[in-house]
C-alpha atoms as a PDB file:
ATOM      1  CA  MET A   1    -109.053  13.237 -73.834  1.00  0.00           C
ATOM      2  CA  ARG A   2    -109.616  15.942 -76.439  1.00  0.00           C
ATOM      3  CA  VAL A   3    -111.897  15.455 -79.158  1.00  0.00           C
ATOM      4  CA  LEU A   4    -112.407  17.649 -82.313  1.00  0.00           C
ATOM      5  CA  ILE A   5    -115.478  17.720 -84.814  1.00  0.00           C
ATOM      6  CA  PRO A   6    -116.227  19.829 -87.461  1.00  0.00           C
ATOM      7  CA  SER A   7    -119.312  21.868 -87.039  1.00  0.00           C
ATOM      8  CA  THR A   8    -121.818  23.910 -89.049  1.00  0.00           C
ATOM      9  CA  ASN A   9    -121.885  26.386 -86.324  1.00  0.00           C
ATOM     10  CA  ASP A  10    -120.209  27.490 -83.183  1.00  0.00           C
ATOM     11  CA  ASN A  11    -122.214  25.803 -80.179  1.00  0.00           C
ATOM     12  CA  LEU A  12    -123.129  22.304 -79.460  1.00  0.00           C
ATOM     13  CA  ASP A  13    -126.812  22.395 -80.524  1.00  0.00           C
ATOM     14  CA  SER A  14    -125.080  22.720 -84.298  1.00  0.00           C
ATOM     15  CA  ILE A  15    -124.816  19.411 -86.686  1.00  0.00           C
ATOM     16  CA  ILE A  16    -121.424  17.932 -87.510  1.00  0.00           C
ATOM     17  CA  ASP A  17    -120.150  19.565 -90.802  1.00  0.00           C
ATOM     18  CA  THR A  18    -120.156  16.776 -93.490  1.00  0.00           C
ATOM     19  CA  ARG A  19    -117.157  19.053 -95.242  1.00  0.00           C
ATOM     20  CA  PHE A  20    -114.548  18.204 -92.753  1.00  0.00           C
ATOM     21  CA  PHE A  21    -111.747  20.475 -93.609  1.00  0.00           C
ATOM     22  CA  HIS A  22    -114.235  23.237 -95.378  1.00  0.00           C
ATOM     23  CA  ALA A  23    -116.355  23.235 -92.352  1.00  0.00           C
ATOM     24  CA  ALA A  24    -117.452  26.529 -90.766  1.00  0.00           C
ATOM     25  CA  TYR A  25    -115.837  26.045 -86.990  1.00  0.00           C
ATOM     26  CA  TYR A  26    -114.290  23.153 -85.340  1.00  0.00           C
ATOM     27  CA  ILE A  27    -115.365  22.263 -81.527  1.00  0.00           C
ATOM     28  CA  ILE A  28    -112.974  20.814 -79.350  1.00  0.00           C
ATOM     29  CA  TYR A  29    -114.089  19.057 -76.176  1.00  0.00           C
ATOM     30  CA  ASP A  30    -112.107  17.613 -73.183  1.00  0.00           C
ATOM     31  CA  GLY A  31    -115.135  16.105 -71.537  1.00  0.00           C
ATOM     32  CA  LYS A  32    -115.541  19.251 -69.510  1.00  0.00           C
ATOM     33  CA  GLU A  33    -115.251  22.654 -71.739  1.00  0.00           C
ATOM     34  CA  TYR A  34    -115.464  22.826 -75.076  1.00  0.00           C
ATOM     35  CA  GLU A  35    -113.453  25.322 -77.455  1.00  0.00           C
ATOM     36  CA  VAL A  36    -114.826  26.746 -80.833  1.00  0.00           C
ATOM     37  CA  VAL A  37    -112.621  27.548 -83.590  1.00  0.00           C
ATOM     38  CA  ALA A  38    -113.578  29.172 -86.643  1.00  0.00           C
ATOM     39  CA  ASN A  39    -112.142  27.827 -90.178  1.00  0.00           C
ATOM     40  CA  ASN A  40    -111.159  31.136 -91.308  1.00  0.00           C
ATOM     41  CA  ILE A  41    -109.449  29.470 -94.261  1.00  0.00           C
ATOM     42  CA  ASN A  42    -111.102  30.415 -97.643  1.00  0.00           C
ATOM     43  CA  HIS A  43    -111.994  27.875 -99.872  1.00  0.00           C
ATOM     44  CA  THR A  44    -109.421  26.345-101.400  1.00  0.00           C
ATOM     45  CA  HIS A  45    -107.839  22.751-102.455  1.00  0.00           C
ATOM     46  CA  HIS A  46    -104.386  23.294-100.324  1.00  0.00           C
ATOM     47  CA  HIS A  47    -106.164  21.258 -97.127  1.00  0.00           C
ATOM     48  CA  LYS A  48    -103.702  22.107 -94.668  1.00  0.00           C
ATOM     49  CA  ARG A  49    -105.360  23.918 -91.485  1.00  0.00           C
ATOM     50  CA  ASP A  50    -104.021  25.678 -88.249  1.00  0.00           C
ATOM     51  CA  ILE A  51    -104.968  22.521 -86.194  1.00  0.00           C
ATOM     52  CA  ASP A  52    -102.141  21.304 -84.129  1.00  0.00           C
ATOM     53  CA  TRP A  53    -103.060  17.460 -84.228  1.00  0.00           C
ATOM     54  CA  SER A  54    -100.480  16.788 -81.356  1.00  0.00           C
ATOM     55  CA  LYS A  55    -102.965  18.358 -79.194  1.00  0.00           C
ATOM     56  CA  ILE A  56    -106.300  16.425 -80.348  1.00  0.00           C
ATOM     57  CA  ASP A  57    -106.508  12.476 -79.219  1.00  0.00           C
ATOM     58  CA  ALA A  58    -109.983  11.856 -81.482  1.00  0.00           C
ATOM     59  CA  LEU A  59    -111.923  13.265 -84.475  1.00  0.00           C
ATOM     60  CA  ILE A  60    -115.410  12.656 -84.825  1.00  0.00           C
ATOM     61  CA  ILE A  61    -116.401  13.185 -88.439  1.00  0.00           C
ATOM     62  CA  ASN A  62    -119.524  12.560 -90.763  1.00  0.00           C
ATOM     63  CA  ASN A  63    -117.105  12.488 -94.062  1.00  0.00           C
ATOM     64  CA  ILE A  64    -113.606  12.662 -94.943  1.00  0.00           C
ATOM     65  CA  GLY A  65    -111.378  12.510 -97.841  1.00  0.00           C
ATOM     66  CA  ILE A  66    -108.561   9.777 -98.095  1.00  0.00           C
ATOM     67  CA  GLU A  67    -105.776  12.068 -98.069  1.00  0.00           C
ATOM     68  CA  ALA A  68    -107.063  13.839 -95.235  1.00  0.00           C
ATOM     69  CA  TYR A  69    -107.743  10.973 -93.387  1.00  0.00           C
ATOM     70  CA  LYS A  70    -104.299   9.601 -93.877  1.00  0.00           C
ATOM     71  CA  GLU A  71    -102.676  12.823 -92.938  1.00  0.00           C
ATOM     72  CA  ILE A  72    -104.511  13.097 -89.471  1.00  0.00           C
ATOM     73  CA  LYS A  73    -103.873   9.111 -88.919  1.00  0.00           C
ATOM     74  CA  ASP A  74    -100.166  10.038 -89.176  1.00  0.00           C
ATOM     75  CA  SER A  75    -100.462  12.460 -86.284  1.00  0.00           C
ATOM     76  CA  ASN A  76    -101.608   9.296 -84.071  1.00  0.00           C
ATOM     77  CA  VAL A  77    -104.922  10.933 -83.780  1.00  0.00           C
ATOM     78  CA  LYS A  78    -108.016   8.305 -83.858  1.00  0.00           C
ATOM     79  CA  ILE A  79    -111.376   8.785 -86.187  1.00  0.00           C
ATOM     80  CA  TYR A  80    -114.452   7.739 -85.405  1.00  0.00           C
ATOM     81  CA  HIS A  81    -117.727   8.035 -87.426  1.00  0.00           C
ATOM     82  CA  SER A  82    -120.967   9.478 -86.604  1.00  0.00           C
ATOM     83  CA  ASN A  83    -124.149  10.310 -88.622  1.00  0.00           C
ATOM     84  CA  LYS A  84    -125.213  14.105 -88.884  1.00  0.00           C
ATOM     85  CA  THR A  85    -126.228  14.791 -85.564  1.00  0.00           C
ATOM     86  CA  PRO A  86    -125.738  17.629 -83.039  1.00  0.00           C
ATOM     87  CA  ILE A  87    -122.619  17.912 -81.678  1.00  0.00           C
ATOM     88  CA  SER A  88    -123.494  17.191 -78.029  1.00  0.00           C
ATOM     89  CA  ALA A  89    -125.025  14.087 -79.032  1.00  0.00           C
ATOM     90  CA  ALA A  90    -121.786  12.852 -81.103  1.00  0.00           C
ATOM     91  CA  PHE A  91    -119.850  13.856 -77.765  1.00  0.00           C
ATOM     92  CA  LYS A  92    -122.200  11.933 -75.540  1.00  0.00           C
ATOM     93  CA  MET A  93    -121.812   8.912 -78.023  1.00  0.00           C
ATOM     94  CA  PHE A  94    -117.945   8.985 -78.336  1.00  0.00           C
ATOM     95  CA  TYR A  95    -117.509   9.077 -74.088  1.00  0.00           C
ATOM     96  CA  ASP A  96    -120.408   6.630 -73.712  1.00  0.00           C
ATOM     97  CA  GLY A  97    -118.296   4.019 -75.991  1.00  0.00           C
ATOM     98  CA  ALA A  98    -120.920   3.838 -78.804  1.00  0.00           C
ATOM     99  CA  LEU A  99    -118.738   5.302 -81.746  1.00  0.00           C
ATOM    100  CA  LYS A 100    -116.910   3.134 -83.848  1.00  0.00           C
ATOM    101  CA  GLU A 101    -112.984   3.516 -84.900  1.00  0.00           C
ATOM    102  CA  ILE A 102    -112.928   3.642 -88.540  1.00  0.00           C
ATOM    103  CA  ASP A 103    -110.426   2.602 -90.970  1.00  0.00           C
ATOM    104  CA  GLU A 104    -109.191   3.225 -94.401  1.00  0.00           C
ATOM    105  CA  LYS A 105    -111.556   0.831 -96.205  1.00  0.00           C
ATOM    106  CA  GLU A 106    -114.381   2.259 -94.398  1.00  0.00           C
ATOM    107  CA  ILE A 107    -113.507   5.932 -95.048  1.00  0.00           C
ATOM    108  CA  LEU A 108    -113.481   4.674 -99.009  1.00  0.00           C
ATOM    109  CA  ASP A 109    -117.104   3.080 -98.044  1.00  0.00           C
ATOM    110  CA  LEU A 110    -118.129   6.240 -97.154  1.00  0.00           C
ATOM    111  CA  ALA A 111    -116.889   8.089-100.255  1.00  0.00           C
ATOM    112  CA  HIS A 112    -118.810   5.952-102.565  1.00  0.00           C
ATOM    113  CA  LYS A 113    -122.131   5.496-100.281  1.00  0.00           C
ATOM    114  CA  GLY A 114    -123.445   8.041-102.446  1.00  0.00           C
ATOM    115  CA  VAL A 115    -123.442   6.338-105.841  1.00  0.00           C
ATOM    116  CA  LYS A 116    -126.127   4.138-107.055  1.00  0.00           C
ATOM    117  CA  PRO A 117    -126.254   2.148-109.590  1.00  0.00           C
ATOM    118  CA  THR A 118    -129.446   2.903-112.226  1.00  0.00           C
ATOM    119  CA  LYS A 119    -130.108   1.181-115.578  1.00  0.00           C
ATOM    120  CA  LYS A 120    -127.882   3.558-117.686  1.00  0.00           C
ATOM    121  CA  ASN A 121    -124.880   2.932-115.018  1.00  0.00           C
ATOM    122  CA  SER A 122    -125.434  -0.685-113.558  1.00  0.00           C
ATOM    123  CA  THR A 123    -122.362  -2.519-113.241  1.00  0.00           C
ATOM    124  CA  LYS A 124    -123.888  -5.535-114.318  1.00  0.00           C
ATOM    125  CA  GLY A 125    -121.627  -7.273-116.932  1.00  0.00           C
ATOM    126  CA  LYS A 126    -120.047  -4.084-117.897  1.00  0.00           C
ATOM    127  CA  LYS A 127    -117.213  -1.827-116.496  1.00  0.00           C
ATOM    128  CA  LEU A 128    -118.391   1.719-115.913  1.00  0.00           C
ATOM    129  CA  LYS A 129    -116.961   4.853-117.666  1.00  0.00           C
ATOM    130  CA  ALA A 130    -116.861   8.336-116.531  1.00  0.00           C
ATOM    131  CA  LYS A 131    -119.404   9.277-119.077  1.00  0.00           C
ATOM    132  CA  ASP A 132    -121.831   7.133-117.544  1.00  0.00           C
ATOM    133  CA  PHE A 133    -121.795   9.235-114.590  1.00  0.00           C
ATOM    134  CA  ILE A 134    -121.676  12.506-116.268  1.00  0.00           C
ATOM    135  CA  LYS A 135    -124.972  11.469-118.117  1.00  0.00           C
ATOM    136  CA  ASN A 136    -126.438  10.770-115.062  1.00  0.00           C
ATOM    137  CA  LYS A 137    -125.391  13.770-112.920  1.00  0.00           C
ATOM    138  CA  SER A 138    -123.404  11.254-110.457  1.00  0.00           C
ATOM    139  CA  HIS A 139    -120.502  13.946-110.503  1.00  0.00           C
ATOM    140  CA  LEU A 140    -117.577  12.480-109.457  1.00  0.00           C
ATOM    141  CA  GLY A 141    -113.879  13.795-108.829  1.00  0.00           C
ATOM    142  CA  ARG A 142    -113.106  16.826-110.627  1.00  0.00           C
ATOM    143  CA  GLY A 143    -116.188  16.923-112.885  1.00  0.00           C
ATOM    144  CA  SER A 144    -116.429  18.517-116.204  1.00  0.00           C
ATOM    145  CA  GLY A 145    -113.007  20.279-115.827  1.00  0.00           C
ATOM    146  CA  LEU A 146    -111.561  16.787-117.022  1.00  0.00           C
ATOM    147  CA  GLY A 147    -108.450  17.380-114.707  1.00  0.00           C
ATOM    148  CA  LYS A 148    -107.913  21.000-114.937  1.00  0.00           C
ATOM    149  CA  ARG A 149    -106.610  22.574-111.641  1.00  0.00           C
ATOM    150  CA  HIS A 150    -108.148  26.007-110.600  1.00  0.00           C
ATOM    151  CA  HIS A 151    -106.153  28.032-108.467  1.00  0.00           C
END
């Protein structure tokens, strides 16, 4: 079984990169040997990478966007979650059966885990507006660009 993990560096002692498609490296492990693939794509919002998903059985991530999740799931790749941990530990947990496969709802929960209510943006009795997040520097979505695309 070939497993892919986004990595901050090119070795098994590095940490799982929290930016899946913008990771510095991808490490693929088959249970015996590992292969390092440098992510040579410049920072872009066109998230197509040169990963042949037909040759990958599972993906271990710390964080992933919903569109990337859907694209990968459409390739029949199982997606597992791990905390920010060394790559070697994540592979060991995977092969020991300690990691749980995640679904779309859990991906959305992961994406929103950083939003903590404050007195100013509390949801108690009111609906939040974009300005509530901007004032409190909880920048979500496209931020102050107000929907403008940059390419």
